Amino acid sequence: MAKILSQEEIDALLTTVSGSEKSGESGSGAGGLDGRSVIVYDFKHPNRVSKDQLRTLENMHDNFAGHISSVLSNMMRAMLDVDLVSVDQITYSEFIMSLMSPSCTFTFTAEPLEGACIIDFNPTLTYAFVDRMFGGSGKVLDAGRELTFIERALMNRIVGVVYKELEDAWVQICPIKVKQVSLETHPQFVQIVPPGETVIVVSFQMKLLQSTGLMTICFPYVALEGVIIRLSAQNWIDATKKKSQEKDTAVNRENLLQLAVPMNAVLARTDVTIGEFLNLKIGDIVTTDHRINREVDVYVEAKRKYSGRPGLVGKKRGFVITRIYEHIGKE
């Protein structure tokens, strides 16, 4: 039989429920239940790349921006400023909708990364490049038309330089080989991944004389998935340090190769007394224990390094190396 609650018991229950709701409201404002912080998570836009990995991509492409600025400035014969704007992870559909049409959109592969990636040049930037490469002042042209065949060939040349610098930027994380797939003027026709797939979008602002535009690189998450574990701050530091050490080693080796060292071939040795040495005259014969057919020792910086046979090279004396000692000074 069900128990019937009294009025006092009902009031007590209502009081308890009211107190719990107030405690929950205050707890959520102070960090959530049991002191735990509450983080808003959007299931439509999952963060598949951590902040640390995004920071590594940001550092890598910041260096890339500096290199591409120098190379393209020489190519354009004018100062070109390239600044990294952002590194974001969004859906592919959002990325495509952010691009203008008509545009200059290149798709490329970067083995061993899987799938295809995208480089897009804003129309304003594209036509500024075209104008400057044909001897103009880099002024803003009509950006509402598609590229001609000649302009496409010109942009292929420019993006080839970008590909080379991109390969150099990635060498510390994963050596890649970039190969162009296609050039499209309507980005909505480019489908490298499903619309809801996560992509990493790296945006650069380029300023050429009076024109300013964006260059955008899109890496699908499926392309980065195989190397995502390498995109950590520690791995980036270790790779940078290793590259610096290798560069220093190469420079030191190149410098050492230019140094001159004395090399001497000792034909014979003998022992004489001080008296015999002081009584030597022109025409005297000094005998040694070195046979004529025996090899001579060759010394580098007073350390025995080679053995050889003496002879003549033209009108000059020389020797033929017949043996190399593995360690200088080894007897």
C-alpha atoms as a PDB file:
ATOM      1  CA  MET A   1       0.000   0.000   0.000  1.00  0.00           C
ATOM      2  CA  ALA A   2       1.422   3.404  -1.004  1.00  0.00           C
ATOM      3  CA  LYS A   3       2.390   5.708   1.810  1.00  0.00           C
ATOM      4  CA  ILE A   4       0.577   9.042   1.955  1.00  0.00           C
ATOM      5  CA  LEU A   5       2.928  11.970   2.660  1.00  0.00           C
ATOM      6  CA  SER A   6       1.988  14.550   5.224  1.00  0.00           C
ATOM      7  CA  GLN A   7       2.081  18.279   4.512  1.00  0.00           C
ATOM      8  CA  GLU A   8       5.266  18.649   6.575  1.00  0.00           C
ATOM      9  CA  GLU A   9       7.022  15.953   4.521  1.00  0.00           C
ATOM     10  CA  ILE A  10       5.894  17.564   1.239  1.00  0.00           C
ATOM     11  CA  ASP A  11       7.238  20.968   2.371  1.00  0.00           C
ATOM     12  CA  ALA A  12      10.525  19.361   3.372  1.00  0.00           C
ATOM     13  CA  LEU A  13      10.911  17.741  -0.082  1.00  0.00           C
ATOM     14  CA  LEU A  14      10.154  20.982  -1.896  1.00  0.00           C
ATOM     15  CA  THR A  15      12.680  22.815   0.253  1.00  0.00           C
ATOM     16  CA  THR A  16      15.355  20.214  -0.535  1.00  0.00           C
ATOM     17  CA  VAL A  17      14.707  20.379  -4.303  1.00  0.00           C
ATOM     18  CA  SER A  18      14.794  24.199  -4.274  1.00  0.00           C
ATOM     19  CA  GLY A  19      18.067  24.203  -2.366  1.00  0.00           C
ATOM     20  CA  SER A  20      19.636  21.729  -4.843  1.00  0.00           C
ATOM     21  CA  GLU A  21      18.663  23.907  -7.836  1.00  0.00           C
ATOM     22  CA  LYS A  22      20.209  27.004  -6.256  1.00  0.00           C
ATOM     23  CA  SER A  23      23.366  25.049  -5.442  1.00  0.00           C
ATOM     24  CA  GLY A  24      23.590  23.796  -9.034  1.00  0.00           C
ATOM     25  CA  GLU A  25      23.174  27.313 -10.451  1.00  0.00           C
ATOM     26  CA  SER A  26      25.886  28.709  -8.197  1.00  0.00           C
ATOM     27  CA  GLY A  27      28.110  25.707  -8.901  1.00  0.00           C
ATOM     28  CA  SER A  28      27.859  26.136 -12.684  1.00  0.00           C
ATOM     29  CA  GLY A  29      28.885  29.751 -12.359  1.00  0.00           C
ATOM     30  CA  ALA A  30      31.893  28.809 -10.249  1.00  0.00           C
ATOM     31  CA  GLY A  31      33.079  26.024 -12.505  1.00  0.00           C
ATOM     32  CA  GLY A  32      30.340  23.389 -12.563  1.00  0.00           C
ATOM     33  CA  LEU A  33      29.405  20.433 -10.340  1.00  0.00           C
ATOM     34  CA  ASP A  34      32.018  19.238  -7.836  1.00  0.00           C
ATOM     35  CA  GLY A  35      34.258  22.132  -8.842  1.00  0.00           C
ATOM     36  CA  ARG A  36      34.767  20.792 -12.383  1.00  0.00           C
ATOM     37  CA  SER A  37      34.917  23.270 -15.249  1.00  0.00           C
ATOM     38  CA  VAL A  38      32.284  23.036 -17.985  1.00  0.00           C
ATOM     39  CA  ILE A  39      33.501  23.260 -21.602  1.00  0.00           C
ATOM     40  CA  VAL A  40      31.116  23.928 -24.469  1.00  0.00           C
ATOM     41  CA  TYR A  41      31.562  21.295 -27.186  1.00  0.00           C
ATOM     42  CA  ASP A  42      30.057  21.678 -30.638  1.00  0.00           C
ATOM     43  CA  PHE A  43      29.515  18.255 -32.204  1.00  0.00           C
ATOM     44  CA  LYS A  44      29.078  19.881 -35.633  1.00  0.00           C
ATOM     45  CA  HIS A  45      32.605  21.350 -35.423  1.00  0.00           C
ATOM     46  CA  PRO A  46      34.761  18.872 -33.492  1.00  0.00           C
ATOM     47  CA  ASN A  47      38.283  20.009 -32.594  1.00  0.00           C
ATOM     48  CA  ARG A  48      40.324  17.123 -33.992  1.00  0.00           C
ATOM     49  CA  VAL A  49      43.633  19.012 -33.818  1.00  0.00           C
ATOM     50  CA  SER A  50      44.849  20.171 -30.412  1.00  0.00           C
ATOM     51  CA  LYS A  51      45.965  23.705 -29.624  1.00  0.00           C
ATOM     52  CA  ASP A  52      49.556  22.521 -29.267  1.00  0.00           C
ATOM     53  CA  GLN A  53      49.479  20.988 -32.741  1.00  0.00           C
ATOM     54  CA  LEU A  54      47.882  24.117 -34.201  1.00  0.00           C
ATOM     55  CA  ARG A  55      50.621  26.176 -32.580  1.00  0.00           C
ATOM     56  CA  THR A  56      53.256  24.021 -34.280  1.00  0.00           C
ATOM     57  CA  LEU A  57      51.553  24.525 -37.638  1.00  0.00           C
ATOM     58  CA  GLU A  58      51.451  28.250 -36.917  1.00  0.00           C
ATOM     59  CA  ASN A  59      55.192  28.412 -36.167  1.00  0.00           C
ATOM     60  CA  MET A  60      56.021  26.349 -39.239  1.00  0.00           C
ATOM     61  CA  HIS A  61      53.951  28.493 -41.615  1.00  0.00           C
ATOM     62  CA  ASP A  62      55.163  31.719 -40.011  1.00  0.00           C
ATOM     63  CA  ASN A  63      58.664  30.781 -41.158  1.00  0.00           C
ATOM     64  CA  PHE A  64      57.199  29.832 -44.521  1.00  0.00           C
ATOM     65  CA  ALA A  65      55.660  33.327 -44.813  1.00  0.00           C
ATOM     66  CA  GLY A  66      59.064  34.954 -44.324  1.00  0.00           C
ATOM     67  CA  HIS A  67      60.712  32.791 -46.972  1.00  0.00           C
ATOM     68  CA  ILE A  68      57.936  33.209 -49.534  1.00  0.00           C
ATOM     69  CA  SER A  69      58.029  36.970 -49.028  1.00  0.00           C
ATOM     70  CA  SER A  70      61.712  37.094 -49.939  1.00  0.00           C
ATOM     71  CA  VAL A  71      61.446  34.783 -52.955  1.00  0.00           C
ATOM     72  CA  LEU A  72      58.356  36.403 -54.483  1.00  0.00           C
ATOM     73  CA  SER A  73      59.751  39.914 -53.882  1.00  0.00           C
ATOM     74  CA  ASN A  74      62.705  39.006 -56.111  1.00  0.00           C
ATOM     75  CA  MET A  75      60.348  37.491 -58.648  1.00  0.00           C
ATOM     76  CA  MET A  76      58.065  40.547 -58.724  1.00  0.00           C
ATOM     77  CA  ARG A  77      60.937  43.038 -58.520  1.00  0.00           C
ATOM     78  CA  ALA A  78      58.958  44.817 -55.804  1.00  0.00           C
ATOM     79  CA  MET A  79      58.489  44.496 -52.063  1.00  0.00           C
ATOM     80  CA  LEU A  80      55.897  41.848 -51.181  1.00  0.00           C
ATOM     81  CA  ASP A  81      54.833  41.615 -47.525  1.00  0.00           C
ATOM     82  CA  VAL A  82      53.492  38.233 -46.400  1.00  0.00           C
ATOM     83  CA  ASP A  83      51.972  37.900 -42.926  1.00  0.00           C
ATOM     84  CA  LEU A  84      50.425  34.828 -41.325  1.00  0.00           C
ATOM     85  CA  VAL A  85      46.844  35.745 -40.379  1.00  0.00           C
ATOM     86  CA  SER A  86      45.445  32.600 -38.768  1.00  0.00           C
ATOM     87  CA  VAL A  87      45.495  28.817 -38.530  1.00  0.00           C
ATOM     88  CA  ASP A  88      41.930  27.512 -38.046  1.00  0.00           C
ATOM     89  CA  GLN A  89      40.116  24.190 -38.153  1.00  0.00           C
ATOM     90  CA  ILE A  90      36.718  24.396 -39.801  1.00  0.00           C
ATOM     91  CA  THR A  91      34.550  22.245 -42.035  1.00  0.00           C
ATOM     92  CA  TYR A  92      35.313  21.950 -45.724  1.00  0.00           C
ATOM     93  CA  SER A  93      31.960  23.487 -46.688  1.00  0.00           C
ATOM     94  CA  GLU A  94      32.727  26.589 -44.605  1.00  0.00           C
ATOM     95  CA  PHE A  95      36.119  26.902 -46.273  1.00  0.00           C
ATOM     96  CA  ILE A  96      34.662  26.672 -49.785  1.00  0.00           C
ATOM     97  CA  MET A  97      31.952  29.240 -48.979  1.00  0.00           C
ATOM     98  CA  SER A  98      34.626  31.680 -47.773  1.00  0.00           C
ATOM     99  CA  LEU A  99      36.336  31.717 -51.197  1.00  0.00           C
ATOM    100  CA  MET A 100      35.459  34.192 -53.918  1.00  0.00           C
ATOM    101  CA  SER A 101      34.374  33.166 -57.387  1.00  0.00           C
ATOM    102  CA  PRO A 102      35.930  33.360 -59.908  1.00  0.00           C
ATOM    103  CA  SER A 103      39.207  32.706 -58.146  1.00  0.00           C
ATOM    104  CA  CYS A 104      42.580  31.005 -58.664  1.00  0.00           C
ATOM    105  CA  THR A 105      42.396  27.693 -56.812  1.00  0.00           C
ATOM    106  CA  PHE A 106      45.122  25.049 -57.121  1.00  0.00           C
ATOM    107  CA  THR A 107      44.758  21.467 -55.919  1.00  0.00           C
ATOM    108  CA  PHE A 108      47.919  19.502 -55.176  1.00  0.00           C
ATOM    109  CA  THR A 109      49.158  16.331 -53.520  1.00  0.00           C
ATOM    110  CA  ALA A 110      51.922  16.276 -50.937  1.00  0.00           C
ATOM    111  CA  GLU A 111      53.225  12.731 -50.603  1.00  0.00           C
ATOM    112  CA  PRO A 112      53.427  10.981 -48.179  1.00  0.00           C
ATOM    113  CA  LEU A 113      50.370  12.946 -46.937  1.00  0.00           C
ATOM    114  CA  GLU A 114      47.171  11.305 -48.100  1.00  0.00           C
ATOM    115  CA  GLY A 115      44.580  12.965 -50.295  1.00  0.00           C
ATOM    116  CA  ALA A 116      44.678  16.375 -51.964  1.00  0.00           C
ATOM    117  CA  CYS A 117      45.204  19.880 -50.568  1.00  0.00           C
ATOM    118  CA  ILE A 118      44.316  23.362 -51.833  1.00  0.00           C
ATOM    119  CA  ILE A 119      46.089  26.688 -52.358  1.00  0.00           C
ATOM    120  CA  ASP A 120      43.780  29.590 -53.213  1.00  0.00           C
ATOM    121  CA  PHE A 121      44.801  33.070 -54.320  1.00  0.00           C
ATOM    122  CA  ASN A 122      42.323  35.910 -53.824  1.00  0.00           C
ATOM    123  CA  PRO A 123      41.331  37.484 -57.205  1.00  0.00           C
ATOM    124  CA  THR A 124      42.677  40.889 -56.167  1.00  0.00           C
ATOM    125  CA  LEU A 125      46.044  39.328 -55.377  1.00  0.00           C
ATOM    126  CA  THR A 126      46.037  37.210 -58.528  1.00  0.00           C
ATOM    127  CA  TYR A 127      45.532  40.120 -60.904  1.00  0.00           C
ATOM    128  CA  ALA A 128      48.064  42.231 -58.996  1.00  0.00           C
ATOM    129  CA  PHE A 129      50.619  39.466 -59.662  1.00  0.00           C
ATOM    130  CA  VAL A 130      49.627  39.367 -63.340  1.00  0.00           C
ATOM    131  CA  ASP A 131      49.881  43.135 -63.729  1.00  0.00           C
ATOM    132  CA  ARG A 132      53.261  43.305 -62.003  1.00  0.00           C
ATOM    133  CA  MET A 133      54.787  40.368 -63.917  1.00  0.00           C
ATOM    134  CA  PHE A 134      53.848  42.063 -67.190  1.00  0.00           C
ATOM    135  CA  GLY A 135      55.605  45.277 -66.177  1.00  0.00           C
ATOM    136  CA  GLY A 136      52.732  47.144 -64.528  1.00  0.00           C
ATOM    137  CA  SER A 137      52.676  48.949 -61.190  1.00  0.00           C
ATOM    138  CA  GLY A 138      50.677  46.246 -59.420  1.00  0.00           C
ATOM    139  CA  LYS A 139      47.433  48.200 -59.545  1.00  0.00           C
ATOM    140  CA  VAL A 140      44.061  46.637 -58.846  1.00  0.00           C
ATOM    141  CA  LEU A 141      42.502  45.224 -62.024  1.00  0.00           C
ATOM    142  CA  ASP A 142      39.028  43.910 -62.797  1.00  0.00           C
ATOM    143  CA  ALA A 143      38.726  40.837 -60.573  1.00  0.00           C
ATOM    144  CA  GLY A 144      35.332  39.754 -61.893  1.00  0.00           C
ATOM    145  CA  ARG A 145      36.534  37.712 -64.866  1.00  0.00           C
ATOM    146  CA  GLU A 146      38.223  34.352 -65.280  1.00  0.00           C
ATOM    147  CA  LEU A 147      41.938  33.928 -65.975  1.00  0.00           C
ATOM    148  CA  THR A 148      43.146  33.702 -69.560  1.00  0.00           C
ATOM    149  CA  PHE A 149      45.477  30.913 -70.708  1.00  0.00           C
ATOM    150  CA  ILE A 150      48.493  33.232 -70.506  1.00  0.00           C
ATOM    151  CA  GLU A 151      47.529  34.344 -66.989  1.00  0.00           C
ATOM    152  CA  ARG A 152      47.068  30.709 -65.952  1.00  0.00           C
ATOM    153  CA  ALA A 153      50.570  29.888 -67.174  1.00  0.00           C
ATOM    154  CA  LEU A 154      51.920  32.839 -65.195  1.00  0.00           C
ATOM    155  CA  MET A 155      50.161  31.757 -61.996  1.00  0.00           C
ATOM    156  CA  ASN A 156      51.460  28.214 -62.495  1.00  0.00           C
ATOM    157  CA  ARG A 157      54.953  29.658 -62.429  1.00  0.00           C
ATOM    158  CA  ILE A 158      54.256  31.611 -59.235  1.00  0.00           C
ATOM    159  CA  VAL A 159      52.617  28.695 -57.435  1.00  0.00           C
ATOM    160  CA  GLY A 160      55.589  26.520 -58.379  1.00  0.00           C
ATOM    161  CA  VAL A 161      57.748  28.774 -56.205  1.00  0.00           C
ATOM    162  CA  VAL A 162      55.193  28.461 -53.386  1.00  0.00           C
ATOM    163  CA  TYR A 163      55.309  24.657 -53.678  1.00  0.00           C
ATOM    164  CA  LYS A 164      59.113  24.663 -53.339  1.00  0.00           C
ATOM    165  CA  GLU A 165      59.020  26.818 -50.200  1.00  0.00           C
ATOM    166  CA  LEU A 166      56.204  24.689 -48.772  1.00  0.00           C
ATOM    167  CA  GLU A 167      58.356  21.573 -49.162  1.00  0.00           C
ATOM    168  CA  ASP A 168      61.206  23.314 -47.323  1.00  0.00           C
ATOM    169  CA  ALA A 169      58.847  24.419 -44.529  1.00  0.00           C
ATOM    170  CA  TRP A 170      57.579  20.869 -43.953  1.00  0.00           C
ATOM    171  CA  VAL A 171      60.976  19.164 -44.006  1.00  0.00           C
ATOM    172  CA  GLN A 172      61.377  19.436 -40.207  1.00  0.00           C
ATOM    173  CA  ILE A 173      58.064  17.651 -39.592  1.00  0.00           C
ATOM    174  CA  CYS A 174      57.732  15.313 -42.557  1.00  0.00           C
ATOM    175  CA  PRO A 175      59.555  15.651 -45.903  1.00  0.00           C
ATOM    176  CA  ILE A 176      56.892  16.064 -48.597  1.00  0.00           C
ATOM    177  CA  LYS A 177      56.896  16.111 -52.389  1.00  0.00           C
ATOM    178  CA  VAL A 178      54.334  18.531 -53.820  1.00  0.00           C
ATOM    179  CA  LYS A 179      52.728  17.737 -57.178  1.00  0.00           C
ATOM    180  CA  GLN A 180      50.061  19.904 -58.764  1.00  0.00           C
ATOM    181  CA  VAL A 181      46.775  18.253 -59.733  1.00  0.00           C
ATOM    182  CA  SER A 182      44.606  21.000 -61.253  1.00  0.00           C
ATOM    183  CA  LEU A 183      43.780  24.701 -61.462  1.00  0.00           C
ATOM    184  CA  GLU A 184      40.165  25.788 -61.040  1.00  0.00           C
ATOM    185  CA  THR A 185      38.579  29.229 -61.267  1.00  0.00           C
ATOM    186  CA  HIS A 186      35.361  28.195 -59.501  1.00  0.00           C
ATOM    187  CA  PRO A 187      36.144  26.824 -56.004  1.00  0.00           C
ATOM    188  CA  GLN A 188      32.682  25.301 -55.547  1.00  0.00           C
ATOM    189  CA  PHE A 189      33.604  22.700 -58.167  1.00  0.00           C
ATOM    190  CA  VAL A 190      36.600  21.512 -56.121  1.00  0.00           C
ATOM    191  CA  GLN A 191      35.658  18.584 -53.888  1.00  0.00           C
ATOM    192  CA  ILE A 192      38.649  17.010 -52.185  1.00  0.00           C
ATOM    193  CA  VAL A 193      36.747  15.800 -49.065  1.00  0.00           C
ATOM    194  CA  PRO A 194      33.089  15.592 -47.948  1.00  0.00           C
ATOM    195  CA  PRO A 195      31.499  18.946 -46.969  1.00  0.00           C
ATOM    196  CA  GLY A 196      31.377  18.095 -43.249  1.00  0.00           C
ATOM    197  CA  GLU A 197      35.008  16.931 -43.028  1.00  0.00           C
ATOM    198  CA  THR A 198      37.388  18.916 -40.798  1.00  0.00           C
ATOM    199  CA  VAL A 199      40.125  20.885 -42.578  1.00  0.00           C
ATOM    200  CA  ILE A 200      43.018  23.039 -41.369  1.00  0.00           C
ATOM    201  CA  VAL A 201      43.022  26.427 -43.079  1.00  0.00           C
ATOM    202  CA  VAL A 202      46.185  28.558 -43.050  1.00  0.00           C
ATOM    203  CA  SER A 203      45.587  32.155 -44.179  1.00  0.00           C
ATOM    204  CA  PHE A 204      48.257  34.640 -45.312  1.00  0.00           C
ATOM    205  CA  GLN A 205      47.800  38.314 -46.091  1.00  0.00           C
ATOM    206  CA  MET A 206      49.915  39.504 -49.019  1.00  0.00           C
ATOM    207  CA  LYS A 207      50.521  43.146 -49.851  1.00  0.00           C
ATOM    208  CA  LEU A 208      52.033  44.044 -53.221  1.00  0.00           C
ATOM    209  CA  LEU A 209      52.328  47.803 -53.791  1.00  0.00           C
ATOM    210  CA  GLN A 210      48.709  49.117 -53.762  1.00  0.00           C
ATOM    211  CA  SER A 211      47.061  45.676 -53.728  1.00  0.00           C
ATOM    212  CA  THR A 212      46.267  43.463 -50.744  1.00  0.00           C
ATOM    213  CA  GLY A 213      44.801  39.973 -50.852  1.00  0.00           C
ATOM    214  CA  LEU A 214      44.738  36.572 -49.177  1.00  0.00           C
ATOM    215  CA  MET A 215      46.535  33.351 -50.014  1.00  0.00           C
ATOM    216  CA  THR A 216      44.913  30.374 -48.288  1.00  0.00           C
ATOM    217  CA  ILE A 217      46.235  26.836 -47.863  1.00  0.00           C
ATOM    218  CA  CYS A 218      43.791  24.070 -46.921  1.00  0.00           C
ATOM    219  CA  PHE A 219      44.969  20.772 -45.419  1.00  0.00           C
ATOM    220  CA  PRO A 220      42.231  18.147 -44.877  1.00  0.00           C
ATOM    221  CA  TYR A 221      42.460  16.388 -41.532  1.00  0.00           C
ATOM    222  CA  VAL A 222      42.698  13.024 -43.329  1.00  0.00           C
ATOM    223  CA  ALA A 223      45.911  14.278 -44.968  1.00  0.00           C
ATOM    224  CA  LEU A 224      47.449  15.281 -41.632  1.00  0.00           C
ATOM    225  CA  GLU A 225      46.197  12.256 -39.684  1.00  0.00           C
ATOM    226  CA  GLY A 226      49.289  10.181 -40.486  1.00  0.00           C
ATOM    227  CA  VAL A 227      51.712  12.824 -39.168  1.00  0.00           C
ATOM    228  CA  ILE A 228      49.511  14.478 -36.526  1.00  0.00           C
ATOM    229  CA  ILE A 229      51.569  12.947 -33.722  1.00  0.00           C
ATOM    230  CA  ARG A 230      54.642  14.800 -34.993  1.00  0.00           C
ATOM    231  CA  LEU A 231      52.890  18.164 -34.729  1.00  0.00           C
ATOM    232  CA  SER A 232      53.908  18.797 -31.136  1.00  0.00           C
ATOM    233  CA  ALA A 233      55.951  21.626 -29.688  1.00  0.00           C
ATOM    234  CA  GLN A 234      58.640  19.265 -28.392  1.00  0.00           C
ATOM    235  CA  ASN A 235      58.994  17.515 -31.733  1.00  0.00           C
ATOM    236  CA  TRP A 236      59.216  20.907 -33.472  1.00  0.00           C
ATOM    237  CA  ILE A 237      61.960  22.059 -31.061  1.00  0.00           C
ATOM    238  CA  ASP A 238      63.903  18.806 -31.472  1.00  0.00           C
ATOM    239  CA  ALA A 239      63.651  18.957 -35.272  1.00  0.00           C
ATOM    240  CA  THR A 240      64.743  22.607 -35.332  1.00  0.00           C
ATOM    241  CA  LYS A 241      67.678  21.855 -33.039  1.00  0.00           C
ATOM    242  CA  LYS A 242      68.723  18.867 -35.162  1.00  0.00           C
ATOM    243  CA  LYS A 243      68.542  20.950 -38.350  1.00  0.00           C
ATOM    244  CA  SER A 244      70.643  23.677 -36.707  1.00  0.00           C
ATOM    245  CA  GLN A 245      73.257  21.141 -35.623  1.00  0.00           C
ATOM    246  CA  GLU A 246      73.393  19.589 -39.091  1.00  0.00           C
ATOM    247  CA  LYS A 247      73.794  23.036 -40.639  1.00  0.00           C
ATOM    248  CA  ASP A 248      76.596  23.941 -38.216  1.00  0.00           C
ATOM    249  CA  THR A 249      78.332  20.639 -38.959  1.00  0.00           C
ATOM    250  CA  ALA A 250      78.140  21.262 -42.705  1.00  0.00           C
ATOM    251  CA  VAL A 251      79.502  24.814 -42.314  1.00  0.00           C
ATOM    252  CA  ASN A 252      82.363  23.644 -40.094  1.00  0.00           C
ATOM    253  CA  ARG A 253      83.235  20.855 -42.509  1.00  0.00           C
ATOM    254  CA  GLU A 254      83.256  23.293 -45.441  1.00  0.00           C
ATOM    255  CA  ASN A 255      85.508  25.681 -43.526  1.00  0.00           C
ATOM    256  CA  LEU A 256      87.907  22.924 -42.501  1.00  0.00           C
ATOM    257  CA  LEU A 257      88.236  21.763 -46.102  1.00  0.00           C
ATOM    258  CA  GLN A 258      89.751  25.148 -46.968  1.00  0.00           C
ATOM    259  CA  LEU A 259      92.527  24.913 -44.358  1.00  0.00           C
ATOM    260  CA  ALA A 260      96.113  24.241 -45.454  1.00  0.00           C
ATOM    261  CA  VAL A 261      98.089  21.572 -43.556  1.00  0.00           C
ATOM    262  CA  PRO A 262     101.782  20.646 -43.994  1.00  0.00           C
ATOM    263  CA  MET A 263     102.503  17.218 -45.518  1.00  0.00           C
ATOM    264  CA  ASN A 264     106.006  15.690 -45.416  1.00  0.00           C
ATOM    265  CA  ALA A 265     107.443  12.490 -46.825  1.00  0.00           C
ATOM    266  CA  VAL A 266     110.386  11.144 -44.775  1.00  0.00           C
ATOM    267  CA  LEU A 267     112.775   9.331 -47.111  1.00  0.00           C
ATOM    268  CA  ALA A 268     115.063   7.896 -44.419  1.00  0.00           C
ATOM    269  CA  ARG A 269     116.221   8.173 -40.814  1.00  0.00           C
ATOM    270  CA  THR A 270     119.596   7.499 -39.164  1.00  0.00           C
ATOM    271  CA  ASP A 271     121.463   8.143 -35.927  1.00  0.00           C
ATOM    272  CA  VAL A 272     124.821   9.939 -35.818  1.00  0.00           C
ATOM    273  CA  THR A 273     126.877  11.289 -32.949  1.00  0.00           C
ATOM    274  CA  ILE A 274     127.386  14.980 -32.356  1.00  0.00           C
ATOM    275  CA  GLY A 275     131.000  14.601 -33.314  1.00  0.00           C
ATOM    276  CA  GLU A 276     130.155  12.907 -36.612  1.00  0.00           C
ATOM    277  CA  PHE A 277     127.550  15.546 -37.348  1.00  0.00           C
ATOM    278  CA  LEU A 278     129.998  18.405 -36.744  1.00  0.00           C
ATOM    279  CA  ASN A 279     132.665  16.766 -38.940  1.00  0.00           C
ATOM    280  CA  LEU A 280     130.376  16.297 -41.977  1.00  0.00           C
ATOM    281  CA  LYS A 281     131.770  17.764 -45.222  1.00  0.00           C
ATOM    282  CA  ILE A 282     130.522  18.104 -48.775  1.00  0.00           C
ATOM    283  CA  GLY A 283     130.833  14.762 -50.480  1.00  0.00           C
ATOM    284  CA  ASP A 284     130.505  12.637 -47.338  1.00  0.00           C
ATOM    285  CA  ILE A 285     128.096   9.681 -47.551  1.00  0.00           C
ATOM    286  CA  VAL A 286     125.649   9.023 -44.734  1.00  0.00           C
ATOM    287  CA  THR A 287     124.265   5.490 -44.583  1.00  0.00           C
ATOM    288  CA  THR A 288     120.757   4.696 -43.331  1.00  0.00           C
ATOM    289  CA  ASP A 289     118.837   1.560 -42.483  1.00  0.00           C
ATOM    290  CA  HIS A 290     116.150   2.407 -45.093  1.00  0.00           C
ATOM    291  CA  ARG A 291     116.228   0.115 -48.125  1.00  0.00           C
ATOM    292  CA  ILE A 292     115.731   1.595 -51.602  1.00  0.00           C
ATOM    293  CA  ASN A 293     112.619  -0.523 -52.348  1.00  0.00           C
ATOM    294  CA  ARG A 294     110.995   0.180 -48.973  1.00  0.00           C
ATOM    295  CA  GLU A 295     107.982   2.504 -48.762  1.00  0.00           C
ATOM    296  CA  VAL A 296     108.413   5.937 -47.160  1.00  0.00           C
ATOM    297  CA  ASP A 297     106.253   7.359 -44.386  1.00  0.00           C
ATOM    298  CA  VAL A 298     104.100  10.433 -45.106  1.00  0.00           C
ATOM    299  CA  TYR A 299     103.240  12.727 -42.202  1.00  0.00           C
ATOM    300  CA  VAL A 300     100.383  15.248 -41.865  1.00  0.00           C
ATOM    301  CA  GLU A 301     100.902  17.781 -39.065  1.00  0.00           C
ATOM    302  CA  ALA A 302     103.729  15.574 -37.681  1.00  0.00           C
ATOM    303  CA  LYS A 303     101.356  12.538 -37.543  1.00  0.00           C
ATOM    304  CA  ARG A 304     101.919   9.504 -39.762  1.00  0.00           C
ATOM    305  CA  LYS A 305      98.930   9.194 -42.106  1.00  0.00           C
ATOM    306  CA  TYR A 306     100.104   7.464 -45.317  1.00  0.00           C
ATOM    307  CA  SER A 307     102.796   5.227 -46.767  1.00  0.00           C
ATOM    308  CA  GLY A 308     104.003   5.595 -50.322  1.00  0.00           C
ATOM    309  CA  ARG A 309     106.746   5.144 -52.932  1.00  0.00           C
ATOM    310  CA  PRO A 310     108.844   8.174 -53.962  1.00  0.00           C
ATOM    311  CA  GLY A 311     109.232   9.159 -57.578  1.00  0.00           C
ATOM    312  CA  LEU A 312     108.990  12.010 -60.092  1.00  0.00           C
ATOM    313  CA  VAL A 313     105.914  13.820 -61.429  1.00  0.00           C
ATOM    314  CA  GLY A 314     107.192  15.678 -64.460  1.00  0.00           C
ATOM    315  CA  LYS A 315     110.113  17.711 -63.142  1.00  0.00           C
ATOM    316  CA  LYS A 316     108.858  17.620 -59.548  1.00  0.00           C
ATOM    317  CA  ARG A 317     109.414  15.057 -56.828  1.00  0.00           C
ATOM    318  CA  GLY A 318     106.389  13.214 -55.537  1.00  0.00           C
ATOM    319  CA  PHE A 319     105.151   9.951 -54.130  1.00  0.00           C
ATOM    320  CA  VAL A 320     102.439   7.399 -54.806  1.00  0.00           C
ATOM    321  CA  ILE A 321     100.203   6.598 -51.839  1.00  0.00           C
ATOM    322  CA  THR A 322     100.114   2.850 -51.247  1.00  0.00           C
ATOM    323  CA  ARG A 323      98.581   2.664 -47.763  1.00  0.00           C
ATOM    324  CA  ILE A 324      96.291   4.767 -45.610  1.00  0.00           C
ATOM    325  CA  TYR A 325      96.357   4.520 -41.847  1.00  0.00           C
ATOM    326  CA  GLU A 326      92.887   4.566 -40.318  1.00  0.00           C
ATOM    327  CA  HIS A 327      93.961   6.827 -37.444  1.00  0.00           C
ATOM    328  CA  ILE A 328      96.433   9.658 -37.712  1.00  0.00           C
ATOM    329  CA  GLY A 329      99.504   8.821 -35.695  1.00  0.00           C
ATOM    330  CA  LYS A 330      98.813   5.065 -35.594  1.00  0.00           C
ATOM    331  CA  GLU A 331     102.008   3.060 -35.808  1.00  0.00           C
END
